[in-house]
């Protein structure tokens, strides 16, 4: 088992977090949050990967004759993609409403967000 996919997932997550922390635009922040969330795709696929494994379709092979990849992790990755797209769309809709109401997408200029 290689640690490279786990390192790649961590690096993608850190790049997204850095962009999120340094962002001065809400649209950019939503994009950076999507980058953070996309690291979970790599992590889930790394967890479910098996060297030499095939797709878990047993139409042409007998069960147990060859290693297969975990289909649950693949289903979780697909669910992660759908949830990520939904959350991104919802956050972008909120950014649009914020821009219409306050006329800016800079979080520093939104006085109502200050504590």
PDB file of N, CA and C in Angstrom:
ATOM      1  N   UNK A   1       0.845  -1.177   0.000  1.00  0.00           N
ATOM      2  CA  UNK A   1       0.000   0.000   0.000  1.00  0.00           C
ATOM      3  C   UNK A   1       0.890   1.239   0.000  1.00  0.00           C
ATOM      4  N   UNK A   2       0.588   2.152  -0.866  1.00  0.00           N
ATOM      5  CA  UNK A   2       1.359   3.375  -1.004  1.00  0.00           C
ATOM      6  C   UNK A   2       0.737   4.499  -0.177  1.00  0.00           C
ATOM      7  N   UNK A   3       1.580   5.370   0.315  1.00  0.00           N
ATOM      8  CA  UNK A   3       1.091   6.511   1.090  1.00  0.00           C
ATOM      9  C   UNK A   3       0.882   7.729   0.206  1.00  0.00           C
ATOM     10  N   UNK A   4       1.253   7.610  -1.075  1.00  0.00           N
ATOM     11  CA  UNK A   4       1.147   8.760  -1.985  1.00  0.00           C
ATOM     12  C   UNK A   4      -0.272   9.309  -2.105  1.00  0.00           C
ATOM     13  N   UNK A   5      -1.312   8.493  -2.254  1.00  0.00           N
ATOM     14  CA  UNK A   5      -2.664   9.071  -2.329  1.00  0.00           C
ATOM     15  C   UNK A   5      -3.068   9.797  -1.049  1.00  0.00           C
ATOM     16  N   UNK A   6      -2.621   9.294   0.087  1.00  0.00           N
ATOM     17  CA  UNK A   6      -2.956   9.960   1.350  1.00  0.00           C
ATOM     18  C   UNK A   6      -2.236  11.303   1.456  1.00  0.00           C
ATOM     19  N   UNK A   7      -0.977  11.324   0.997  1.00  0.00           N
ATOM     20  CA  UNK A   7      -0.250  12.593   0.986  1.00  0.00           C
ATOM     21  C   UNK A   7      -0.882  13.584   0.011  1.00  0.00           C
ATOM     22  N   UNK A   8      -1.305  13.079  -1.144  1.00  0.00           N
ATOM     23  CA  UNK A   8      -1.964  13.956  -2.117  1.00  0.00           C
ATOM     24  C   UNK A   8      -3.268  14.510  -1.552  1.00  0.00           C
ATOM     25  N   UNK A   9      -4.029  13.667  -0.863  1.00  0.00           N
ATOM     26  CA  UNK A   9      -5.283  14.139  -0.259  1.00  0.00           C
ATOM     27  C   UNK A   9      -5.001  15.199   0.801  1.00  0.00           C
ATOM     28  N   UNK A  10      -3.980  14.982   1.612  1.00  0.00           N
ATOM     29  CA  UNK A  10      -3.620  15.981   2.625  1.00  0.00           C
ATOM     30  C   UNK A  10      -3.155  17.277   2.005  1.00  0.00           C
ATOM     31  N   UNK A  11      -2.369  17.181   0.919  1.00  0.00           N
ATOM     32  CA  UNK A  11      -1.867  18.386   0.257  1.00  0.00           C
ATOM     33  C   UNK A  11      -3.031  19.169  -0.360  1.00  0.00           C
ATOM     34  N   UNK A  12      -3.955  18.483  -1.021  1.00  0.00           N
ATOM     35  CA  UNK A  12      -5.119  19.162  -1.616  1.00  0.00           C
ATOM     36  C   UNK A  12      -5.939  19.848  -0.523  1.00  0.00           C
ATOM     37  N   UNK A  13      -6.106  19.157   0.609  1.00  0.00           N
ATOM     38  CA  UNK A  13      -6.868  19.753   1.716  1.00  0.00           C
ATOM     39  C   UNK A  13      -6.175  21.003   2.256  1.00  0.00           C
ATOM     40  N   UNK A  14      -4.847  20.934   2.415  1.00  0.00           N
ATOM     41  CA  UNK A  14      -4.118  22.093   2.941  1.00  0.00           C
ATOM     42  C   UNK A  14      -4.139  23.264   1.965  1.00  0.00           C
ATOM     43  N   UNK A  15      -4.037  22.983   0.669  1.00  0.00           N
ATOM     44  CA  UNK A  15      -4.106  24.064  -0.326  1.00  0.00           C
ATOM     45  C   UNK A  15      -5.474  24.740  -0.268  1.00  0.00           C
ATOM     46  N   UNK A  16      -6.529  23.948  -0.139  1.00  0.00           N
ATOM     47  CA  UNK A  16      -7.872  24.521  -0.026  1.00  0.00           C
ATOM     48  C   UNK A  16      -8.036  25.341   1.245  1.00  0.00           C
ATOM     49  N   UNK A  17      -7.493  24.844   2.344  1.00  0.00           N
ATOM     50  CA  UNK A  17      -7.582  25.586   3.612  1.00  0.00           C
ATOM     51  C   UNK A  17      -6.809  26.897   3.541  1.00  0.00           C
ATOM     52  N   UNK A  18      -5.624  26.871   2.893  1.00  0.00           N
ATOM     53  CA  UNK A  18      -4.844  28.099   2.747  1.00  0.00           C
ATOM     54  C   UNK A  18      -5.622  29.128   1.931  1.00  0.00           C
ATOM     55  N   UNK A  19      -6.207  28.682   0.826  1.00  0.00           N
ATOM     56  CA  UNK A  19      -7.009  29.599   0.009  1.00  0.00           C
ATOM     57  C   UNK A  19      -8.205  30.125   0.763  1.00  0.00           C
ATOM     58  N   UNK A  20      -8.812  29.269   1.572  1.00  0.00           N
ATOM     59  CA  UNK A  20      -9.971  29.698   2.360  1.00  0.00           C
ATOM     60  C   UNK A  20      -9.580  30.727   3.413  1.00  0.00           C
ATOM     61  N   UNK A  21      -8.419  30.538   4.027  1.00  0.00           N
ATOM     62  CA  UNK A  21      -7.974  31.463   5.068  1.00  0.00           C
ATOM     63  C   UNK A  21      -7.533  32.805   4.511  1.00  0.00           C
ATOM     64  N   UNK A  22      -7.010  32.819   3.297  1.00  0.00           N
ATOM     65  CA  UNK A  22      -6.495  34.063   2.728  1.00  0.00           C
ATOM     66  C   UNK A  22      -7.461  34.724   1.756  1.00  0.00           C
ATOM     67  N   UNK A  23      -8.638  34.176   1.587  1.00  0.00           N
ATOM     68  CA  UNK A  23      -9.576  34.688   0.597  1.00  0.00           C
ATOM     69  C   UNK A  23     -10.217  35.991   1.057  1.00  0.00           C
ATOM     70  N   UNK A  24     -10.350  36.919   0.150  1.00  0.00           N
ATOM     71  CA  UNK A  24     -11.050  38.185   0.402  1.00  0.00           C
ATOM     72  C   UNK A  24     -12.248  38.328  -0.518  1.00  0.00           C
ATOM     73  N   UNK A  25     -12.737  37.208  -1.007  1.00  0.00           N
ATOM     74  CA  UNK A  25     -13.890  37.194  -1.890  1.00  0.00           C
ATOM     75  C   UNK A  25     -14.693  35.943  -1.554  1.00  0.00           C
ATOM     76  N   UNK A  26     -15.979  36.091  -1.353  1.00  0.00           N
ATOM     77  CA  UNK A  26     -16.797  34.958  -0.943  1.00  0.00           C
ATOM     78  C   UNK A  26     -16.890  33.889  -2.027  1.00  0.00           C
ATOM     79  N   UNK A  27     -16.873  34.290  -3.295  1.00  0.00           N
ATOM     80  CA  UNK A  27     -16.912  33.303  -4.373  1.00  0.00           C
ATOM     81  C   UNK A  27     -15.625  32.485  -4.375  1.00  0.00           C
ATOM     82  N   UNK A  28     -14.501  33.158  -4.161  1.00  0.00           N
ATOM     83  CA  UNK A  28     -13.218  32.467  -4.061  1.00  0.00           C
ATOM     84  C   UNK A  28     -13.210  31.528  -2.859  1.00  0.00           C
ATOM     85  N   UNK A  29     -13.810  31.957  -1.777  1.00  0.00           N
ATOM     86  CA  UNK A  29     -13.867  31.112  -0.569  1.00  0.00           C
ATOM     87  C   UNK A  29     -14.683  29.850  -0.826  1.00  0.00           C
ATOM     88  N   UNK A  30     -15.777  29.979  -1.562  1.00  0.00           N
ATOM     89  CA  UNK A  30     -16.589  28.803  -1.893  1.00  0.00           C
ATOM     90  C   UNK A  30     -15.784  27.846  -2.780  1.00  0.00           C
ATOM     91  N   UNK A  31     -15.031  28.390  -3.720  1.00  0.00           N
ATOM     92  CA  UNK A  31     -14.173  27.550  -4.564  1.00  0.00           C
ATOM     93  C   UNK A  31     -13.114  26.826  -3.755  1.00  0.00           C
ATOM     94  N   UNK A  32     -12.515  27.527  -2.793  1.00  0.00           N
ATOM     95  CA  UNK A  32     -11.496  26.909  -1.945  1.00  0.00           C
ATOM     96  C   UNK A  32     -12.117  25.833  -1.046  1.00  0.00           C
ATOM     97  N   UNK A  33     -13.334  26.064  -0.599  1.00  0.00           N
ATOM     98  CA  UNK A  33     -14.019  25.044   0.190  1.00  0.00           C
ATOM     99  C   UNK A  33     -14.294  23.802  -0.656  1.00  0.00           C
ATOM    100  N   UNK A  34     -14.585  24.000  -1.922  1.00  0.00           N
ATOM    101  CA  UNK A  34     -14.778  22.858  -2.827  1.00  0.00           C
ATOM    102  C   UNK A  34     -13.476  22.088  -3.027  1.00  0.00           C
ATOM    103  N   UNK A  35     -12.358  22.821  -3.071  1.00  0.00           N
ATOM    104  CA  UNK A  35     -11.060  22.150  -3.195  1.00  0.00           C
ATOM    105  C   UNK A  35     -10.793  21.308  -1.945  1.00  0.00           C
ATOM    106  N   UNK A  36     -11.089  21.868  -0.768  1.00  0.00           N
ATOM    107  CA  UNK A  36     -10.931  21.102   0.480  1.00  0.00           C
ATOM    108  C   UNK A  36     -11.785  19.841   0.439  1.00  0.00           C
ATOM    109  N   UNK A  37     -12.989  19.993  -0.020  1.00  0.00           N
ATOM    110  CA  UNK A  37     -13.904  18.863  -0.048  1.00  0.00           C
ATOM    111  C   UNK A  37     -13.476  17.834  -1.080  1.00  0.00           C
ATOM    112  N   UNK A  38     -12.834  18.268  -2.155  1.00  0.00           N
ATOM    113  CA  UNK A  38     -12.402  17.321  -3.181  1.00  0.00           C
ATOM    114  C   UNK A  38     -11.268  16.434  -2.687  1.00  0.00           C
ATOM    115  N   UNK A  39     -10.586  16.838  -1.643  1.00  0.00           N
ATOM    116  CA  UNK A  39      -9.543  15.957  -1.095  1.00  0.00           C
ATOM    117  C   UNK A  39     -10.156  14.686  -0.517  1.00  0.00           C
ATOM    118  N   UNK A  40     -11.413  14.741  -0.135  1.00  0.00           N
ATOM    119  CA  UNK A  40     -12.056  13.543   0.393  1.00  0.00           C
ATOM    120  C   UNK A  40     -12.290  12.510  -0.715  1.00  0.00           C
ATOM    121  N   UNK A  41     -12.420  12.975  -1.975  1.00  0.00           N
ATOM    122  CA  UNK A  41     -12.550  12.016  -3.083  1.00  0.00           C
ATOM    123  C   UNK A  41     -11.290  11.157  -3.170  1.00  0.00           C
ATOM    124  N   UNK A  42     -10.154  11.835  -3.129  1.00  0.00           N
ATOM    125  CA  UNK A  42      -8.880  11.117  -3.228  1.00  0.00           C
ATOM    126  C   UNK A  42      -8.711  10.189  -2.031  1.00  0.00           C
ATOM    127  N   UNK A  43      -9.087  10.674  -0.861  1.00  0.00           N
ATOM    128  CA  UNK A  43      -8.948   9.856   0.344  1.00  0.00           C
ATOM    129  C   UNK A  43      -9.838   8.618   0.282  1.00  0.00           C
ATOM    130  N   UNK A  44     -11.080   8.798  -0.132  1.00  0.00           N
ATOM    131  CA  UNK A  44     -11.985   7.648  -0.224  1.00  0.00           C
ATOM    132  C   UNK A  44     -11.525   6.639  -1.271  1.00  0.00           C
ATOM    133  N   UNK A  45     -11.064   7.129  -2.406  1.00  0.00           N
ATOM    134  CA  UNK A  45     -10.590   6.204  -3.435  1.00  0.00           C
ATOM    135  C   UNK A  45      -9.312   5.505  -3.001  1.00  0.00           C
ATOM    136  N   UNK A  46      -8.477   6.181  -2.222  1.00  0.00           N
ATOM    137  CA  UNK A  46      -7.267   5.540  -1.704  1.00  0.00           C
ATOM    138  C   UNK A  46      -7.605   4.451  -0.696  1.00  0.00           C
ATOM    139  N   UNK A  47      -8.620   4.676   0.101  1.00  0.00           N
ATOM    140  CA  UNK A  47      -9.029   3.675   1.085  1.00  0.00           C
ATOM    141  C   UNK A  47      -9.584   2.438   0.381  1.00  0.00           C
ATOM    142  N   UNK A  48     -10.338   2.634  -0.686  1.00  0.00           N
ATOM    143  CA  UNK A  48     -10.977   1.513  -1.355  1.00  0.00           C
ATOM    144  C   UNK A  48     -10.122   0.813  -2.389  1.00  0.00           C
ATOM    145  N   UNK A  49      -8.938   1.337  -2.679  1.00  0.00           N
ATOM    146  CA  UNK A  49      -8.087   0.757  -3.719  1.00  0.00           C
ATOM    147  C   UNK A  49      -7.443  -0.540  -3.242  1.00  0.00           C
ATOM    148  N   UNK A  50      -7.420  -1.536  -4.130  1.00  0.00           N
ATOM    149  CA  UNK A  50      -6.687  -2.782  -3.872  1.00  0.00           C
ATOM    150  C   UNK A  50      -5.851  -3.088  -5.101  1.00  0.00           C
ATOM    151  N   UNK A  51      -4.568  -3.300  -4.874  1.00  0.00           N
ATOM    152  CA  UNK A  51      -3.668  -3.580  -5.998  1.00  0.00           C
ATOM    153  C   UNK A  51      -4.108  -4.879  -6.682  1.00  0.00           C
ATOM    154  N   UNK A  52      -4.294  -4.786  -7.986  1.00  0.00           N
ATOM    155  CA  UNK A  52      -4.702  -5.951  -8.763  1.00  0.00           C
ATOM    156  C   UNK A  52      -6.183  -6.252  -8.671  1.00  0.00           C
ATOM    157  N   UNK A  53      -6.930  -5.415  -7.937  1.00  0.00           N
ATOM    158  CA  UNK A  53      -8.357  -5.652  -7.772  1.00  0.00           C
ATOM    159  C   UNK A  53      -9.139  -5.251  -9.008  1.00  0.00           C
ATOM    160  N   UNK A  54     -10.255  -5.892  -9.200  1.00  0.00           N
ATOM    161  CA  UNK A  54     -11.123  -5.575 -10.330  1.00  0.00           C
ATOM    162  C   UNK A  54     -12.441  -5.031  -9.801  1.00  0.00           C
ATOM    163  N   UNK A  55     -13.268  -4.609 -10.712  1.00  0.00           N
ATOM    164  CA  UNK A  55     -14.591  -4.120 -10.334  1.00  0.00           C
ATOM    165  C   UNK A  55     -15.399  -5.276  -9.756  1.00  0.00           C
ATOM    166  N   UNK A  56     -16.227  -5.005  -8.754  1.00  0.00           N
ATOM    167  CA  UNK A  56     -16.967  -6.092  -8.118  1.00  0.00           C
ATOM    168  C   UNK A  56     -18.175  -6.553  -8.928  1.00  0.00           C
ATOM    169  N   UNK A  57     -17.932  -6.938 -10.148  1.00  0.00           N
ATOM    170  CA  UNK A  57     -18.976  -7.488 -11.012  1.00  0.00           C
ATOM    171  C   UNK A  57     -18.635  -8.963 -11.213  1.00  0.00           C
ATOM    172  N   UNK A  58     -19.469  -9.841 -10.695  1.00  0.00           N
ATOM    173  CA  UNK A  58     -19.152 -11.260 -10.681  1.00  0.00           C
ATOM    174  C   UNK A  58     -19.834 -12.013 -11.815  1.00  0.00           C
ATOM    175  N   UNK A  59     -20.101 -11.350 -12.917  1.00  0.00           N
ATOM    176  CA  UNK A  59     -20.754 -12.022 -14.033  1.00  0.00           C
ATOM    177  C   UNK A  59     -19.786 -12.949 -14.761  1.00  0.00           C
ATOM    178  N   UNK A  60     -18.504 -12.543 -14.866  1.00  0.00           N
ATOM    179  CA  UNK A  60     -17.564 -13.348 -15.638  1.00  0.00           C
ATOM    180  C   UNK A  60     -16.506 -14.036 -14.779  1.00  0.00           C
ATOM    181  N   UNK A  61     -16.479 -13.780 -13.460  1.00  0.00           N
ATOM    182  CA  UNK A  61     -15.502 -14.435 -12.590  1.00  0.00           C
ATOM    183  C   UNK A  61     -16.248 -15.074 -11.430  1.00  0.00           C
ATOM    184  N   UNK A  62     -15.656 -16.087 -10.864  1.00  0.00           N
ATOM    185  CA  UNK A  62     -16.268 -16.712  -9.695  1.00  0.00           C
ATOM    186  C   UNK A  62     -15.885 -15.916  -8.458  1.00  0.00           C
ATOM    187  N   UNK A  63     -16.803 -15.748  -7.522  1.00  0.00           N
ATOM    188  CA  UNK A  63     -16.497 -14.981  -6.304  1.00  0.00           C
ATOM    189  C   UNK A  63     -15.348 -15.613  -5.533  1.00  0.00           C
ATOM    190  N   UNK A  64     -14.395 -14.797  -5.136  1.00  0.00           N
ATOM    191  CA  UNK A  64     -13.256 -15.257  -4.364  1.00  0.00           C
ATOM    192  C   UNK A  64     -12.068 -15.667  -5.193  1.00  0.00           C
ATOM    193  N   UNK A  65     -12.203 -15.712  -6.526  1.00  0.00           N
ATOM    194  CA  UNK A  65     -11.078 -16.132  -7.352  1.00  0.00           C
ATOM    195  C   UNK A  65     -10.068 -15.019  -7.559  1.00  0.00           C
ATOM    196  N   UNK A  66     -10.508 -13.765  -7.586  1.00  0.00           N
ATOM    197  CA  UNK A  66      -9.613 -12.613  -7.761  1.00  0.00           C
ATOM    198  C   UNK A  66     -10.008 -11.542  -6.774  1.00  0.00           C
ATOM    199  N   UNK A  67      -9.046 -10.709  -6.364  1.00  0.00           N
ATOM    200  CA  UNK A  67      -9.418  -9.623  -5.453  1.00  0.00           C
ATOM    201  C   UNK A  67     -10.269  -8.576  -6.166  1.00  0.00           C
ATOM    202  N   UNK A  68     -11.206  -8.013  -5.441  1.00  0.00           N
ATOM    203  CA  UNK A  68     -12.056  -6.962  -5.994  1.00  0.00           C
ATOM    204  C   UNK A  68     -11.946  -5.733  -5.094  1.00  0.00           C
ATOM    205  N   UNK A  69     -12.232  -4.592  -5.665  1.00  0.00           N
ATOM    206  CA  UNK A  69     -12.209  -3.355  -4.880  1.00  0.00           C
ATOM    207  C   UNK A  69     -13.489  -3.272  -4.057  1.00  0.00           C
ATOM    208  N   UNK A  70     -13.454  -2.442  -3.038  1.00  0.00           N
ATOM    209  CA  UNK A  70     -14.607  -2.301  -2.144  1.00  0.00           C
ATOM    210  C   UNK A  70     -15.665  -1.412  -2.807  1.00  0.00           C
ATOM    211  N   UNK A  71     -16.840  -1.924  -3.112  1.00  0.00           N
ATOM    212  CA  UNK A  71     -17.843  -1.096  -3.784  1.00  0.00           C
ATOM    213  C   UNK A  71     -18.478  -0.066  -2.854  1.00  0.00           C
ATOM    214  N   UNK A  72     -18.429  -0.289  -1.548  1.00  0.00           N
ATOM    215  CA  UNK A  72     -19.031   0.668  -0.614  1.00  0.00           C
ATOM    216  C   UNK A  72     -18.264   1.990  -0.649  1.00  0.00           C
ATOM    217  N   UNK A  73     -16.948   1.901  -0.724  1.00  0.00           N
ATOM    218  CA  UNK A  73     -16.143   3.127  -0.754  1.00  0.00           C
ATOM    219  C   UNK A  73     -16.389   3.887  -2.052  1.00  0.00           C
ATOM    220  N   UNK A  74     -16.541   3.166  -3.152  1.00  0.00           N
ATOM    221  CA  UNK A  74     -16.852   3.834  -4.419  1.00  0.00           C
ATOM    222  C   UNK A  74     -18.213   4.518  -4.356  1.00  0.00           C
ATOM    223  N   UNK A  75     -19.175   3.874  -3.717  1.00  0.00           N
ATOM    224  CA  UNK A  75     -20.500   4.491  -3.569  1.00  0.00           C
ATOM    225  C   UNK A  75     -20.420   5.727  -2.678  1.00  0.00           C
ATOM    226  N   UNK A  76     -19.587   5.646  -1.643  1.00  0.00           N
ATOM    227  CA  UNK A  76     -19.401   6.823  -0.775  1.00  0.00           C
ATOM    228  C   UNK A  76     -18.752   7.974  -1.532  1.00  0.00           C
ATOM    229  N   UNK A  77     -17.808   7.658  -2.416  1.00  0.00           N
ATOM    230  CA  UNK A  77     -17.164   8.709  -3.211  1.00  0.00           C
ATOM    231  C   UNK A  77     -18.181   9.373  -4.138  1.00  0.00           C
ATOM    232  N   UNK A  78     -19.041   8.578  -4.754  1.00  0.00           N
ATOM    233  CA  UNK A  78     -20.066   9.169  -5.615  1.00  0.00           C
ATOM    234  C   UNK A  78     -21.045  10.024  -4.802  1.00  0.00           C
ATOM    235  N   UNK A  79     -21.421   9.550  -3.630  1.00  0.00           N
ATOM    236  CA  UNK A  79     -22.287  10.345  -2.758  1.00  0.00           C
ATOM    237  C   UNK A  79     -21.594  11.636  -2.347  1.00  0.00           C
ATOM    238  N   UNK A  80     -20.293  11.553  -2.101  1.00  0.00           N
ATOM    239  CA  UNK A  80     -19.514  12.730  -1.737  1.00  0.00           C
ATOM    240  C   UNK A  80     -19.521  13.763  -2.861  1.00  0.00           C
ATOM    241  N   UNK A  81     -19.424  13.302  -4.090  1.00  0.00           N
ATOM    242  CA  UNK A  81     -19.456  14.217  -5.234  1.00  0.00           C
ATOM    243  C   UNK A  81     -20.801  14.933  -5.304  1.00  0.00           C
ATOM    244  N   UNK A  82     -21.881  14.185  -5.120  1.00  0.00           N
ATOM    245  CA  UNK A  82     -23.225  14.778  -5.209  1.00  0.00           C
ATOM    246  C   UNK A  82     -23.447  15.780  -4.070  1.00  0.00           C
ATOM    247  N   UNK A  83     -23.071  15.396  -2.872  1.00  0.00           N
ATOM    248  CA  UNK A  83     -23.240  16.302  -1.724  1.00  0.00           C
ATOM    249  C   UNK A  83     -22.359  17.542  -1.898  1.00  0.00           C
ATOM    250  N   UNK A  84     -21.152  17.354  -2.397  1.00  0.00           N
ATOM    251  CA  UNK A  84     -20.269  18.500  -2.618  1.00  0.00           C
ATOM    252  C   UNK A  84     -20.822  19.478  -3.639  1.00  0.00           C
ATOM    253  N   UNK A  85     -21.371  18.958  -4.722  1.00  0.00           N
ATOM    254  CA  UNK A  85     -21.961  19.835  -5.738  1.00  0.00           C
ATOM    255  C   UNK A  85     -23.169  20.577  -5.182  1.00  0.00           C
ATOM    256  N   UNK A  86     -23.957  19.900  -4.365  1.00  0.00           N
ATOM    257  CA  UNK A  86     -25.137  20.537  -3.773  1.00  0.00           C
ATOM    258  C   UNK A  86     -24.740  21.638  -2.800  1.00  0.00           C
ATOM    259  N   UNK A  87     -23.773  21.361  -1.963  1.00  0.00           N
ATOM    260  CA  UNK A  87     -23.332  22.365  -0.985  1.00  0.00           C
ATOM    261  C   UNK A  87     -22.715  23.567  -1.695  1.00  0.00           C
ATOM    262  N   UNK A  88     -21.944  23.309  -2.742  1.00  0.00           N
ATOM    263  CA  UNK A  88     -21.345  24.410  -3.495  1.00  0.00           C
ATOM    264  C   UNK A  88     -22.419  25.274  -4.147  1.00  0.00           C
ATOM    265  N   UNK A  89     -23.433  24.652  -4.722  1.00  0.00           N
ATOM    266  CA  UNK A  89     -24.520  25.414  -5.337  1.00  0.00           C
ATOM    267  C   UNK A  89     -25.264  26.242  -4.292  1.00  0.00           C
ATOM    268  N   UNK A  90     -25.514  25.655  -3.134  1.00  0.00           N
ATOM    269  CA  UNK A  90     -26.203  26.388  -2.071  1.00  0.00           C
ATOM    270  C   UNK A  90     -25.369  27.572  -1.585  1.00  0.00           C
ATOM    271  N   UNK A  91     -24.069  27.356  -1.402  1.00  0.00           N
ATOM    272  CA  UNK A  91     -23.218  28.458  -0.934  1.00  0.00           C
ATOM    273  C   UNK A  91     -23.107  29.569  -1.979  1.00  0.00           C
ATOM    274  N   UNK A  92     -23.035  29.196  -3.260  1.00  0.00           N
ATOM    275  CA  UNK A  92     -22.981  30.225  -4.301  1.00  0.00           C
ATOM    276  C   UNK A  92     -24.291  31.011  -4.364  1.00  0.00           C
ATOM    277  N   UNK A  93     -25.416  30.341  -4.113  1.00  0.00           N
ATOM    278  CA  UNK A  93     -26.699  31.052  -4.063  1.00  0.00           C
ATOM    279  C   UNK A  93     -26.716  32.036  -2.890  1.00  0.00           C
ATOM    280  N   UNK A  94     -26.140  31.628  -1.759  1.00  0.00           N
ATOM    281  CA  UNK A  94     -26.058  32.547  -0.619  1.00  0.00           C
ATOM    282  C   UNK A  94     -25.149  33.732  -0.913  1.00  0.00           C
ATOM    283  N   UNK A  95     -24.070  33.491  -1.645  1.00  0.00           N
ATOM    284  CA  UNK A  95     -23.168  34.586  -2.023  1.00  0.00           C
ATOM    285  C   UNK A  95     -23.894  35.564  -2.946  1.00  0.00           C
ATOM    286  N   UNK A  96     -24.684  35.056  -3.864  1.00  0.00           N
ATOM    287  CA  UNK A  96     -25.444  35.933  -4.756  1.00  0.00           C
ATOM    288  C   UNK A  96     -26.427  36.784  -3.951  1.00  0.00           C
ATOM    289  N   UNK A  97     -27.110  36.191  -3.005  1.00  0.00           N
ATOM    290  CA  UNK A  97     -28.045  36.953  -2.179  1.00  0.00           C
ATOM    291  C   UNK A  97     -27.317  37.982  -1.322  1.00  0.00           C
ATOM    292  N   UNK A  98     -26.133  37.633  -0.826  1.00  0.00           N
ATOM    293  CA  UNK A  98     -25.338  38.595  -0.060  1.00  0.00           C
ATOM    294  C   UNK A  98     -24.906  39.758  -0.943  1.00  0.00           C
ATOM    295  N   UNK A  99     -24.485  39.455  -2.168  1.00  0.00           N
ATOM    296  CA  UNK A  99     -24.071  40.522  -3.091  1.00  0.00           C
ATOM    297  C   UNK A  99     -25.242  41.423  -3.445  1.00  0.00           C
ATOM    298  N   UNK A 100     -26.440  40.857  -3.622  1.00  0.00           N
ATOM    299  CA  UNK A 100     -27.603  41.683  -3.930  1.00  0.00           C
ATOM    300  C   UNK A 100     -27.987  42.560  -2.752  1.00  0.00           C
ATOM    301  N   UNK A 101     -27.886  42.019  -1.553  1.00  0.00           N
ATOM    302  CA  UNK A 101     -28.335  42.750  -0.368  1.00  0.00           C
ATOM    303  C   UNK A 101     -27.330  43.795   0.095  1.00  0.00           C
ATOM    304  N   UNK A 102     -26.027  43.456   0.032  1.00  0.00           N
ATOM    305  CA  UNK A 102     -25.015  44.354   0.578  1.00  0.00           C
ATOM    306  C   UNK A 102     -24.146  45.011  -0.487  1.00  0.00           C
ATOM    307  N   UNK A 103     -24.203  44.525  -1.719  1.00  0.00           N
ATOM    308  CA  UNK A 103     -23.438  45.133  -2.794  1.00  0.00           C
ATOM    309  C   UNK A 103     -21.965  44.787  -2.796  1.00  0.00           C
ATOM    310  N   UNK A 104     -21.556  43.790  -2.035  1.00  0.00           N
ATOM    311  CA  UNK A 104     -20.159  43.388  -2.005  1.00  0.00           C
ATOM    312  C   UNK A 104     -20.063  41.901  -1.682  1.00  0.00           C
ATOM    313  N   UNK A 105     -18.954  41.311  -2.104  1.00  0.00           N
ATOM    314  CA  UNK A 105     -18.676  39.923  -1.744  1.00  0.00           C
ATOM    315  C   UNK A 105     -17.397  39.829  -0.916  1.00  0.00           C
ATOM    316  N   UNK A 106     -16.897  40.974  -0.464  1.00  0.00           N
ATOM    317  CA  UNK A 106     -15.719  41.010   0.407  1.00  0.00           C
ATOM    318  C   UNK A 106     -16.180  40.807   1.850  1.00  0.00           C
ATOM    319  N   UNK A 107     -15.722  39.743   2.513  1.00  0.00           N
ATOM    320  CA  UNK A 107     -16.192  39.518   3.885  1.00  0.00           C
ATOM    321  C   UNK A 107     -15.754  40.601   4.861  1.00  0.00           C
ATOM    322  N   UNK A 108     -14.673  41.319   4.565  1.00  0.00           N
ATOM    323  CA  UNK A 108     -14.243  42.395   5.468  1.00  0.00           C
ATOM    324  C   UNK A 108     -15.171  43.597   5.410  1.00  0.00           C
ATOM    325  N   UNK A 109     -15.851  43.773   4.281  1.00  0.00           N
ATOM    326  CA  UNK A 109     -16.748  44.921   4.135  1.00  0.00           C
ATOM    327  C   UNK A 109     -18.157  44.638   4.644  1.00  0.00           C
ATOM    328  N   UNK A 110     -18.433  43.405   5.002  1.00  0.00           N
ATOM    329  CA  UNK A 110     -19.753  43.056   5.527  1.00  0.00           C
ATOM    330  C   UNK A 110     -19.753  43.327   7.025  1.00  0.00           C
ATOM    331  N   UNK A 111     -20.290  44.465   7.397  1.00  0.00           N
ATOM    332  CA  UNK A 111     -20.236  44.872   8.807  1.00  0.00           C
ATOM    333  C   UNK A 111     -21.110  43.987   9.694  1.00  0.00           C
ATOM    334  N   UNK A 112     -22.120  43.352   9.134  1.00  0.00           N
ATOM    335  CA  UNK A 112     -22.993  42.508   9.946  1.00  0.00           C
ATOM    336  C   UNK A 112     -22.323  41.208  10.369  1.00  0.00           C
ATOM    337  N   UNK A 113     -21.225  40.834   9.709  1.00  0.00           N
ATOM    338  CA  UNK A 113     -20.510  39.617  10.075  1.00  0.00           C
ATOM    339  C   UNK A 113     -19.510  39.852  11.199  1.00  0.00           C
ATOM    340  N   UNK A 114     -19.263  41.116  11.539  1.00  0.00           N
ATOM    341  CA  UNK A 114     -18.301  41.413  12.609  1.00  0.00           C
ATOM    342  C   UNK A 114     -18.945  41.167  13.962  1.00  0.00           C
ATOM    343  N   UNK A 115     -18.143  40.678  14.877  1.00  0.00           N
ATOM    344  CA  UNK A 115     -18.653  40.359  16.204  1.00  0.00           C
ATOM    345  C   UNK A 115     -18.669  41.500  17.157  1.00  0.00           C
TER     346      UNK A 115
END
